[in-house]
Amino acid sequence: MRISDAEVKKALSGFTAPDIDTQDENLKLVLGVETEEDASERDAQLVKDLTKQVLDMPDREDMIASLKARIESGEYNPSAEEIVDTMIRRSIADRMR
């Protein structure tokens, strides 16, 4: 049996190539694969959410008042380790803003 060019063209006219991006997305969903871009977006959103939560936290007025009183009376003498720890934490927090 011989198939004519017209029959081939007719058969191919109804055929559309699958969308490569759609195939890739479907494959990622089926396999549960996460791309670096997906992970970066997720991590960036996590950092934004955590930063907002920290900034929304109220100051602990009772702790501030207690420390202020101890400093004024000369009773507050933090160790070098405590000072360095606080400096590093503050530096990290400032970079997150």
PDB file of N, CA and C in Angstrom:
ATOM      1  N   MET A   1       0.847  -1.174   0.000  1.00  0.00           N
ATOM      2  CA  MET A   1       0.000   0.000   0.000  1.00  0.00           C
ATOM      3  C   MET A   1       0.890   1.233   0.000  1.00  0.00           C
ATOM      4  N   ARG A   2       0.581   2.139  -0.846  1.00  0.00           N
ATOM      5  CA  ARG A   2       1.364   3.364  -0.980  1.00  0.00           C
ATOM      6  C   ARG A   2       0.544   4.521  -0.428  1.00  0.00           C
ATOM      7  N   ILE A   3       1.212   5.382   0.409  1.00  0.00           N
ATOM      8  CA  ILE A   3       0.544   6.557   0.978  1.00  0.00           C
ATOM      9  C   ILE A   3       1.011   7.772   0.200  1.00  0.00           C
ATOM     10  N   SER A   4       0.056   8.536  -0.285  1.00  0.00           N
ATOM     11  CA  SER A   4       0.403   9.709  -1.093  1.00  0.00           C
ATOM     12  C   SER A   4       0.858  10.866  -0.205  1.00  0.00           C
ATOM     13  N   ASP A   5       1.526  11.835  -0.829  1.00  0.00           N
ATOM     14  CA  ASP A   5       1.966  13.030  -0.106  1.00  0.00           C
ATOM     15  C   ASP A   5       0.769  13.778   0.478  1.00  0.00           C
ATOM     16  N   ALA A   6      -0.309  13.802  -0.242  1.00  0.00           N
ATOM     17  CA  ALA A   6      -1.510  14.501   0.227  1.00  0.00           C
ATOM     18  C   ALA A   6      -2.047  13.850   1.493  1.00  0.00           C
ATOM     19  N   GLU A   7      -2.035  12.532   1.546  1.00  0.00           N
ATOM     20  CA  GLU A   7      -2.508  11.826   2.735  1.00  0.00           C
ATOM     21  C   GLU A   7      -1.589  12.079   3.932  1.00  0.00           C
ATOM     22  N   VAL A   8      -0.273  12.132   3.683  1.00  0.00           N
ATOM     23  CA  VAL A   8       0.688  12.419   4.750  1.00  0.00           C
ATOM     24  C   VAL A   8       0.438  13.822   5.295  1.00  0.00           C
ATOM     25  N   LYS A   9       0.291  14.807   4.387  1.00  0.00           N
ATOM     26  CA  LYS A   9       0.040  16.190   4.807  1.00  0.00           C
ATOM     27  C   LYS A   9      -1.266  16.290   5.595  1.00  0.00           C
ATOM     28  N   LYS A  10      -2.281  15.587   5.136  1.00  0.00           N
ATOM     29  CA  LYS A  10      -3.571  15.603   5.825  1.00  0.00           C
ATOM     30  C   LYS A  10      -3.440  15.021   7.232  1.00  0.00           C
ATOM     31  N   ALA A  11      -2.703  13.934   7.352  1.00  0.00           N
ATOM     32  CA  ALA A  11      -2.512  13.297   8.660  1.00  0.00           C
ATOM     33  C   ALA A  11      -1.710  14.194   9.592  1.00  0.00           C
ATOM     34  N   LEU A  12      -0.694  14.852   9.050  1.00  0.00           N
ATOM     35  CA  LEU A  12       0.150  15.714   9.871  1.00  0.00           C
ATOM     36  C   LEU A  12      -0.518  17.039  10.223  1.00  0.00           C
ATOM     37  N   SER A  13      -1.498  17.459   9.438  1.00  0.00           N
ATOM     38  CA  SER A  13      -2.139  18.754   9.698  1.00  0.00           C
ATOM     39  C   SER A  13      -2.874  18.760  11.042  1.00  0.00           C
ATOM     40  N   GLY A  14      -3.338  17.649  11.486  1.00  0.00           N
ATOM     41  CA  GLY A  14      -4.038  17.562  12.766  1.00  0.00           C
ATOM     42  C   GLY A  14      -3.114  17.339  13.947  1.00  0.00           C
ATOM     43  N   PHE A  15      -1.850  17.151  13.666  1.00  0.00           N
ATOM     44  CA  PHE A  15      -0.870  16.866  14.718  1.00  0.00           C
ATOM     45  C   PHE A  15      -0.194  18.152  15.162  1.00  0.00           C
ATOM     46  N   THR A  16      -0.122  18.367  16.462  1.00  0.00           N
ATOM     47  CA  THR A  16       0.633  19.506  16.995  1.00  0.00           C
ATOM     48  C   THR A  16       1.703  18.957  17.921  1.00  0.00           C
ATOM     49  N   ALA A  17       2.862  19.536  17.821  1.00  0.00           N
ATOM     50  CA  ALA A  17       3.975  19.103  18.674  1.00  0.00           C
ATOM     51  C   ALA A  17       3.675  19.491  20.111  1.00  0.00           C
ATOM     52  N   PRO A  18       4.011  18.639  21.052  1.00  0.00           N
ATOM     53  CA  PRO A  18       3.762  18.975  22.459  1.00  0.00           C
ATOM     54  C   PRO A  18       4.640  20.144  22.906  1.00  0.00           C
ATOM     55  N   ASP A  19       4.108  20.915  23.810  1.00  0.00           N
ATOM     56  CA  ASP A  19       4.834  22.055  24.365  1.00  0.00           C
ATOM     57  C   ASP A  19       5.936  21.535  25.281  1.00  0.00           C
ATOM     58  N   ILE A  20       7.173  21.890  24.962  1.00  0.00           N
ATOM     59  CA  ILE A  20       8.319  21.387  25.727  1.00  0.00           C
ATOM     60  C   ILE A  20       8.245  21.848  27.180  1.00  0.00           C
ATOM     61  N   ASP A  21       7.900  23.131  27.391  1.00  0.00           N
ATOM     62  CA  ASP A  21       7.828  23.645  28.760  1.00  0.00           C
ATOM     63  C   ASP A  21       6.775  22.899  29.572  1.00  0.00           C
ATOM     64  N   THR A  22       5.646  22.608  28.946  1.00  0.00           N
ATOM     65  CA  THR A  22       4.591  21.882  29.644  1.00  0.00           C
ATOM     66  C   THR A  22       5.067  20.480  30.004  1.00  0.00           C
ATOM     67  N   GLN A  23       5.780  19.842  29.093  1.00  0.00           N
ATOM     68  CA  GLN A  23       6.304  18.508  29.382  1.00  0.00           C
ATOM     69  C   GLN A  23       7.270  18.557  30.552  1.00  0.00           C
ATOM     70  N   ASP A  24       8.162  19.546  30.542  1.00  0.00           N
ATOM     71  CA  ASP A  24       9.136  19.676  31.626  1.00  0.00           C
ATOM     72  C   ASP A  24       8.435  19.892  32.960  1.00  0.00           C
ATOM     73  N   GLU A  25       7.434  20.767  32.981  1.00  0.00           N
ATOM     74  CA  GLU A  25       6.705  21.042  34.220  1.00  0.00           C
ATOM     75  C   GLU A  25       5.985  19.785  34.700  1.00  0.00           C
ATOM     76  N   ASN A  26       5.351  19.073  33.770  1.00  0.00           N
ATOM     77  CA  ASN A  26       4.651  17.841  34.148  1.00  0.00           C
ATOM     78  C   ASN A  26       5.623  16.803  34.688  1.00  0.00           C
ATOM     79  N   LEU A  27       6.777  16.685  34.058  1.00  0.00           N
ATOM     80  CA  LEU A  27       7.781  15.726  34.507  1.00  0.00           C
ATOM     81  C   LEU A  27       8.268  16.087  35.905  1.00  0.00           C
ATOM     82  N   LYS A  28       8.512  17.376  36.150  1.00  0.00           N
ATOM     83  CA  LYS A  28       8.952  17.809  37.480  1.00  0.00           C
ATOM     84  C   LYS A  28       7.891  17.486  38.527  1.00  0.00           C
ATOM     85  N   LEU A  29       6.623  17.699  38.177  1.00  0.00           N
ATOM     86  CA  LEU A  29       5.550  17.414  39.127  1.00  0.00           C
ATOM     87  C   LEU A  29       5.464  15.922  39.432  1.00  0.00           C
ATOM     88  N   VAL A  30       5.563  15.106  38.393  1.00  0.00           N
ATOM     89  CA  VAL A  30       5.457  13.658  38.571  1.00  0.00           C
ATOM     90  C   VAL A  30       6.626  13.122  39.385  1.00  0.00           C
ATOM     91  N   LEU A  31       7.824  13.593  39.081  1.00  0.00           N
ATOM     92  CA  LEU A  31       9.015  13.089  39.758  1.00  0.00           C
ATOM     93  C   LEU A  31       9.285  13.782  41.084  1.00  0.00           C
ATOM     94  N   GLY A  32       8.599  14.884  41.334  1.00  0.00           N
ATOM     95  CA  GLY A  32       8.837  15.628  42.567  1.00  0.00           C
ATOM     96  C   GLY A  32      10.179  16.340  42.554  1.00  0.00           C
ATOM     97  N   VAL A  33      10.615  16.754  41.383  1.00  0.00           N
ATOM     98  CA  VAL A  33      11.915  17.402  41.230  1.00  0.00           C
ATOM     99  C   VAL A  33      11.771  18.896  41.483  1.00  0.00           C
ATOM    100  N   GLU A  34      12.715  19.438  42.232  1.00  0.00           N
ATOM    101  CA  GLU A  34      12.717  20.872  42.493  1.00  0.00           C
ATOM    102  C   GLU A  34      13.974  21.458  41.861  1.00  0.00           C
ATOM    103  N   THR A  35      13.800  22.481  41.034  1.00  0.00           N
ATOM    104  CA  THR A  35      14.954  23.104  40.397  1.00  0.00           C
ATOM    105  C   THR A  35      15.606  24.080  41.363  1.00  0.00           C
ATOM    106  N   GLU A  36      16.819  24.513  41.021  1.00  0.00           N
ATOM    107  CA  GLU A  36      17.513  25.488  41.858  1.00  0.00           C
ATOM    108  C   GLU A  36      16.725  26.789  41.920  1.00  0.00           C
ATOM    109  N   GLU A  37      16.106  27.146  40.800  1.00  0.00           N
ATOM    110  CA  GLU A  37      15.305  28.374  40.764  1.00  0.00           C
ATOM    111  C   GLU A  37      14.117  28.261  41.715  1.00  0.00           C
ATOM    112  N   ASP A  38      13.459  27.103  41.716  1.00  0.00           N
ATOM    113  CA  ASP A  38      12.337  26.884  42.631  1.00  0.00           C
ATOM    114  C   ASP A  38      12.799  26.997  44.078  1.00  0.00           C
ATOM    115  N   ALA A  39      13.930  26.378  44.380  1.00  0.00           N
ATOM    116  CA  ALA A  39      14.465  26.402  45.744  1.00  0.00           C
ATOM    117  C   ALA A  39      14.854  27.815  46.142  1.00  0.00           C
ATOM    118  N   SER A  40      15.459  28.563  45.226  1.00  0.00           N
ATOM    119  CA  SER A  40      15.862  29.943  45.522  1.00  0.00           C
ATOM    120  C   SER A  40      14.646  30.814  45.810  1.00  0.00           C
ATOM    121  N   GLU A  41      13.605  30.655  45.006  1.00  0.00           N
ATOM    122  CA  GLU A  41      12.382  31.429  45.226  1.00  0.00           C
ATOM    123  C   GLU A  41      11.760  31.074  46.578  1.00  0.00           C
ATOM    124  N   ARG A  42      11.751  29.790  46.888  1.00  0.00           N
ATOM    125  CA  ARG A  42      11.183  29.342  48.161  1.00  0.00           C
ATOM    126  C   ARG A  42      11.998  29.890  49.326  1.00  0.00           C
ATOM    127  N   ASP A  43      13.322  29.837  49.209  1.00  0.00           N
ATOM    128  CA  ASP A  43      14.193  30.344  50.273  1.00  0.00           C
ATOM    129  C   ASP A  43      14.043  31.850  50.441  1.00  0.00           C
ATOM    130  N   ALA A  44      13.948  32.573  49.331  1.00  0.00           N
ATOM    131  CA  ALA A  44      13.785  34.029  49.400  1.00  0.00           C
ATOM    132  C   ALA A  44      12.479  34.385  50.101  1.00  0.00           C
ATOM    133  N   GLN A  45      11.422  33.652  49.793  1.00  0.00           N
ATOM    134  CA  GLN A  45      10.136  33.919  50.440  1.00  0.00           C
ATOM    135  C   GLN A  45      10.206  33.599  51.924  1.00  0.00           C
ATOM    136  N   LEU A  46      10.905  32.537  52.286  1.00  0.00           N
ATOM    137  CA  LEU A  46      11.067  32.167  53.689  1.00  0.00           C
ATOM    138  C   LEU A  46      11.799  33.268  54.449  1.00  0.00           C
ATOM    139  N   VAL A  47      12.864  33.803  53.861  1.00  0.00           N
ATOM    140  CA  VAL A  47      13.620  34.881  54.506  1.00  0.00           C
ATOM    141  C   VAL A  47      12.732  36.107  54.693  1.00  0.00           C
ATOM    142  N   LYS A  48      11.952  36.452  53.675  1.00  0.00           N
ATOM    143  CA  LYS A  48      11.043  37.603  53.788  1.00  0.00           C
ATOM    144  C   LYS A  48      10.032  37.386  54.913  1.00  0.00           C
ATOM    145  N   ASP A  49       9.450  36.199  54.953  1.00  0.00           N
ATOM    146  CA  ASP A  49       8.449  35.896  55.980  1.00  0.00           C
ATOM    147  C   ASP A  49       9.047  35.954  57.383  1.00  0.00           C
ATOM    148  N   LEU A  50      10.216  35.364  57.557  1.00  0.00           N
ATOM    149  CA  LEU A  50      10.855  35.363  58.877  1.00  0.00           C
ATOM    150  C   LEU A  50      11.276  36.767  59.297  1.00  0.00           C
ATOM    151  N   THR A  51      11.787  37.549  58.351  1.00  0.00           N
ATOM    152  CA  THR A  51      12.175  38.926  58.655  1.00  0.00           C
ATOM    153  C   THR A  51      10.966  39.719  59.119  1.00  0.00           C
ATOM    154  N   LYS A  52       9.848  39.555  58.432  1.00  0.00           N
ATOM    155  CA  LYS A  52       8.623  40.267  58.821  1.00  0.00           C
ATOM    156  C   LYS A  52       8.179  39.842  60.218  1.00  0.00           C
ATOM    157  N   GLN A  53       8.239  38.550  60.501  1.00  0.00           N
ATOM    158  CA  GLN A  53       7.839  38.064  61.823  1.00  0.00           C
ATOM    159  C   GLN A  53       8.714  38.654  62.921  1.00  0.00           C
ATOM    160  N   VAL A  54      10.012  38.717  62.676  1.00  0.00           N
ATOM    161  CA  VAL A  54      10.929  39.266  63.681  1.00  0.00           C
ATOM    162  C   VAL A  54      10.661  40.752  63.892  1.00  0.00           C
ATOM    163  N   LEU A  55      10.467  41.483  62.793  1.00  0.00           N
ATOM    164  CA  LEU A  55      10.218  42.921  62.909  1.00  0.00           C
ATOM    165  C   LEU A  55       8.878  43.216  63.587  1.00  0.00           C
ATOM    166  N   ASP A  56       7.924  42.315  63.444  1.00  0.00           N
ATOM    167  CA  ASP A  56       6.604  42.503  64.054  1.00  0.00           C
ATOM    168  C   ASP A  56       6.571  42.134  65.536  1.00  0.00           C
ATOM    169  N   MET A  57       7.630  41.500  66.024  1.00  0.00           N
ATOM    170  CA  MET A  57       7.664  41.118  67.438  1.00  0.00           C
ATOM    171  C   MET A  57       7.764  42.367  68.317  1.00  0.00           C
ATOM    172  N   PRO A  58       7.003  42.400  69.392  1.00  0.00           N
ATOM    173  CA  PRO A  58       7.084  43.565  70.283  1.00  0.00           C
ATOM    174  C   PRO A  58       8.377  43.532  71.097  1.00  0.00           C
ATOM    175  N   ASP A  59       8.838  44.735  71.450  1.00  0.00           N
ATOM    176  CA  ASP A  59      10.000  44.809  72.338  1.00  0.00           C
ATOM    177  C   ASP A  59       9.592  44.252  73.695  1.00  0.00           C
ATOM    178  N   ARG A  60      10.544  43.666  74.361  1.00  0.00           N
ATOM    179  CA  ARG A  60      10.268  43.113  75.688  1.00  0.00           C
ATOM    180  C   ARG A  60      10.620  44.186  76.711  1.00  0.00           C
ATOM    181  N   GLU A  61       9.639  45.035  76.982  1.00  0.00           N
ATOM    182  CA  GLU A  61       9.834  46.209  77.837  1.00  0.00           C
ATOM    183  C   GLU A  61      10.363  45.839  79.222  1.00  0.00           C
ATOM    184  N   ASP A  62       9.866  44.739  79.789  1.00  0.00           N
ATOM    185  CA  ASP A  62      10.314  44.347  81.126  1.00  0.00           C
ATOM    186  C   ASP A  62      11.802  43.989  81.136  1.00  0.00           C
ATOM    187  N   MET A  63      12.248  43.293  80.105  1.00  0.00           N
ATOM    188  CA  MET A  63      13.661  42.929  80.017  1.00  0.00           C
ATOM    189  C   MET A  63      14.526  44.177  79.794  1.00  0.00           C
ATOM    190  N   ILE A  64      14.045  45.070  78.951  1.00  0.00           N
ATOM    191  CA  ILE A  64      14.783  46.310  78.688  1.00  0.00           C
ATOM    192  C   ILE A  64      14.921  47.127  79.965  1.00  0.00           C
ATOM    193  N   ALA A  65      13.840  47.260  80.713  1.00  0.00           N
ATOM    194  CA  ALA A  65      13.876  48.033  81.961  1.00  0.00           C
ATOM    195  C   ALA A  65      14.828  47.396  82.972  1.00  0.00           C
ATOM    196  N   SER A  66      14.799  46.072  83.066  1.00  0.00           N
ATOM    197  CA  SER A  66      15.676  45.362  84.000  1.00  0.00           C
ATOM    198  C   SER A  66      17.149  45.565  83.639  1.00  0.00           C
ATOM    199  N   LEU A  67      17.467  45.410  82.357  1.00  0.00           N
ATOM    200  CA  LEU A  67      18.855  45.603  81.926  1.00  0.00           C
ATOM    201  C   LEU A  67      19.307  47.050  82.120  1.00  0.00           C
ATOM    202  N   LYS A  68      18.421  47.970  81.834  1.00  0.00           N
ATOM    203  CA  LYS A  68      18.758  49.389  82.001  1.00  0.00           C
ATOM    204  C   LYS A  68      19.091  49.689  83.465  1.00  0.00           C
ATOM    205  N   ALA A  69      18.291  49.153  84.367  1.00  0.00           N
ATOM    206  CA  ALA A  69      18.530  49.365  85.802  1.00  0.00           C
ATOM    207  C   ALA A  69      19.856  48.728  86.223  1.00  0.00           C
ATOM    208  N   ARG A  70      20.146  47.520  85.727  1.00  0.00           N
ATOM    209  CA  ARG A  70      21.404  46.845  86.073  1.00  0.00           C
ATOM    210  C   ARG A  70      22.618  47.601  85.532  1.00  0.00           C
ATOM    211  N   ILE A  71      22.489  48.153  84.332  1.00  0.00           N
ATOM    212  CA  ILE A  71      23.591  48.934  83.751  1.00  0.00           C
ATOM    213  C   ILE A  71      23.845  50.185  84.582  1.00  0.00           C
ATOM    214  N   GLU A  72      22.763  50.893  84.929  1.00  0.00           N
ATOM    215  CA  GLU A  72      22.891  52.134  85.699  1.00  0.00           C
ATOM    216  C   GLU A  72      23.467  51.888  87.089  1.00  0.00           C
ATOM    217  N   SER A  73      23.163  50.738  87.680  1.00  0.00           N
ATOM    218  CA  SER A  73      23.668  50.440  89.025  1.00  0.00           C
ATOM    219  C   SER A  73      25.055  49.792  88.998  1.00  0.00           C
ATOM    220  N   GLY A  74      25.549  49.466  87.797  1.00  0.00           N
ATOM    221  CA  GLY A  74      26.870  48.853  87.681  1.00  0.00           C
ATOM    222  C   GLY A  74      26.871  47.354  87.902  1.00  0.00           C
ATOM    223  N   GLU A  75      25.711  46.730  87.969  1.00  0.00           N
ATOM    224  CA  GLU A  75      25.610  45.288  88.199  1.00  0.00           C
ATOM    225  C   GLU A  75      25.713  44.461  86.917  1.00  0.00           C
ATOM    226  N   TYR A  76      25.605  45.101  85.795  1.00  0.00           N
ATOM    227  CA  TYR A  76      25.608  44.361  84.525  1.00  0.00           C
ATOM    228  C   TYR A  76      27.018  44.328  83.959  1.00  0.00           C
ATOM    229  N   ASN A  77      27.626  43.172  83.956  1.00  0.00           N
ATOM    230  CA  ASN A  77      28.987  42.992  83.449  1.00  0.00           C
ATOM    231  C   ASN A  77      29.028  41.767  82.529  1.00  0.00           C
ATOM    232  N   PRO A  78      28.630  41.939  81.270  1.00  0.00           N
ATOM    233  CA  PRO A  78      28.626  40.787  80.355  1.00  0.00           C
ATOM    234  C   PRO A  78      30.047  40.321  80.047  1.00  0.00           C
ATOM    235  N   SER A  79      30.168  39.025  79.781  1.00  0.00           N
ATOM    236  CA  SER A  79      31.476  38.463  79.427  1.00  0.00           C
ATOM    237  C   SER A  79      31.816  38.857  77.987  1.00  0.00           C
ATOM    238  N   ALA A  80      33.075  38.699  77.635  1.00  0.00           N
ATOM    239  CA  ALA A  80      33.512  38.993  76.264  1.00  0.00           C
ATOM    240  C   ALA A  80      32.765  38.107  75.267  1.00  0.00           C
ATOM    241  N   GLU A  81      32.527  36.862  75.648  1.00  0.00           N
ATOM    242  CA  GLU A  81      31.806  35.935  74.772  1.00  0.00           C
ATOM    243  C   GLU A  81      30.378  36.427  74.510  1.00  0.00           C
ATOM    244  N   GLU A  82      29.709  36.916  75.547  1.00  0.00           N
ATOM    245  CA  GLU A  82      28.351  37.443  75.378  1.00  0.00           C
ATOM    246  C   GLU A  82      28.348  38.664  74.465  1.00  0.00           C
ATOM    247  N   ILE A  83      29.346  39.522  74.614  1.00  0.00           N
ATOM    248  CA  ILE A  83      29.424  40.723  73.782  1.00  0.00           C
ATOM    249  C   ILE A  83      29.646  40.343  72.317  1.00  0.00           C
ATOM    250  N   VAL A  84      30.584  39.435  72.066  1.00  0.00           N
ATOM    251  CA  VAL A  84      30.869  39.001  70.696  1.00  0.00           C
ATOM    252  C   VAL A  84      29.647  38.323  70.088  1.00  0.00           C
ATOM    253  N   ASP A  85      28.994  37.469  70.849  1.00  0.00           N
ATOM    254  CA  ASP A  85      27.793  36.783  70.365  1.00  0.00           C
ATOM    255  C   ASP A  85      26.722  37.789  69.954  1.00  0.00           C
ATOM    256  N   THR A  86      26.519  38.791  70.777  1.00  0.00           N
ATOM    257  CA  THR A  86      25.519  39.818  70.479  1.00  0.00           C
ATOM    258  C   THR A  86      25.915  40.623  69.246  1.00  0.00           C
ATOM    259  N   MET A  87      27.191  40.948  69.118  1.00  0.00           N
ATOM    260  CA  MET A  87      27.656  41.703  67.950  1.00  0.00           C
ATOM    261  C   MET A  87      27.422  40.921  66.658  1.00  0.00           C
ATOM    262  N   ILE A  88      27.714  39.633  66.687  1.00  0.00           N
ATOM    263  CA  ILE A  88      27.518  38.802  65.494  1.00  0.00           C
ATOM    264  C   ILE A  88      26.033  38.689  65.160  1.00  0.00           C
ATOM    265  N   ARG A  89      25.219  38.444  66.163  1.00  0.00           N
ATOM    266  CA  ARG A  89      23.771  38.350  65.931  1.00  0.00           C
ATOM    267  C   ARG A  89      23.219  39.653  65.363  1.00  0.00           C
ATOM    268  N   ARG A  90      23.685  40.772  65.887  1.00  0.00           N
ATOM    269  CA  ARG A  90      23.211  42.078  65.424  1.00  0.00           C
ATOM    270  C   ARG A  90      23.623  42.304  63.970  1.00  0.00           C
ATOM    271  N   SER A  91      24.849  41.908  63.638  1.00  0.00           N
ATOM    272  CA  SER A  91      25.341  42.053  62.266  1.00  0.00           C
ATOM    273  C   SER A  91      24.485  41.245  61.289  1.00  0.00           C
ATOM    274  N   ILE A  92      24.164  40.029  61.675  1.00  0.00           N
ATOM    275  CA  ILE A  92      23.317  39.180  60.827  1.00  0.00           C
ATOM    276  C   ILE A  92      21.927  39.787  60.687  1.00  0.00           C
ATOM    277  N   ALA A  93      21.366  40.261  61.776  1.00  0.00           N
ATOM    278  CA  ALA A  93      20.027  40.862  61.737  1.00  0.00           C
ATOM    279  C   ALA A  93      20.017  42.110  60.860  1.00  0.00           C
ATOM    280  N   ASP A  94      21.071  42.916  60.926  1.00  0.00           N
ATOM    281  CA  ASP A  94      21.140  44.132  60.109  1.00  0.00           C
ATOM    282  C   ASP A  94      21.202  43.802  58.624  1.00  0.00           C
ATOM    283  N   ARG A  95      21.867  42.731  58.275  1.00  0.00           N
ATOM    284  CA  ARG A  95      21.957  42.338  56.865  1.00  0.00           C
ATOM    285  C   ARG A  95      20.619  41.850  56.332  1.00  0.00           C
ATOM    286  N   MET A  96      19.777  41.322  57.204  1.00  0.00           N
ATOM    287  CA  MET A  96      18.472  40.806  56.787  1.00  0.00           C
ATOM    288  C   MET A  96      17.494  41.929  56.479  1.00  0.00           C
ATOM    289  N   ARG A  97      17.729  43.094  56.980  1.00  0.00           N
ATOM    290  CA  ARG A  97      16.791  44.211  56.755  1.00  0.00           C
ATOM    291  C   ARG A  97      16.906  44.766  55.403  1.00  0.00           C
TER     292      ARG A  97
END
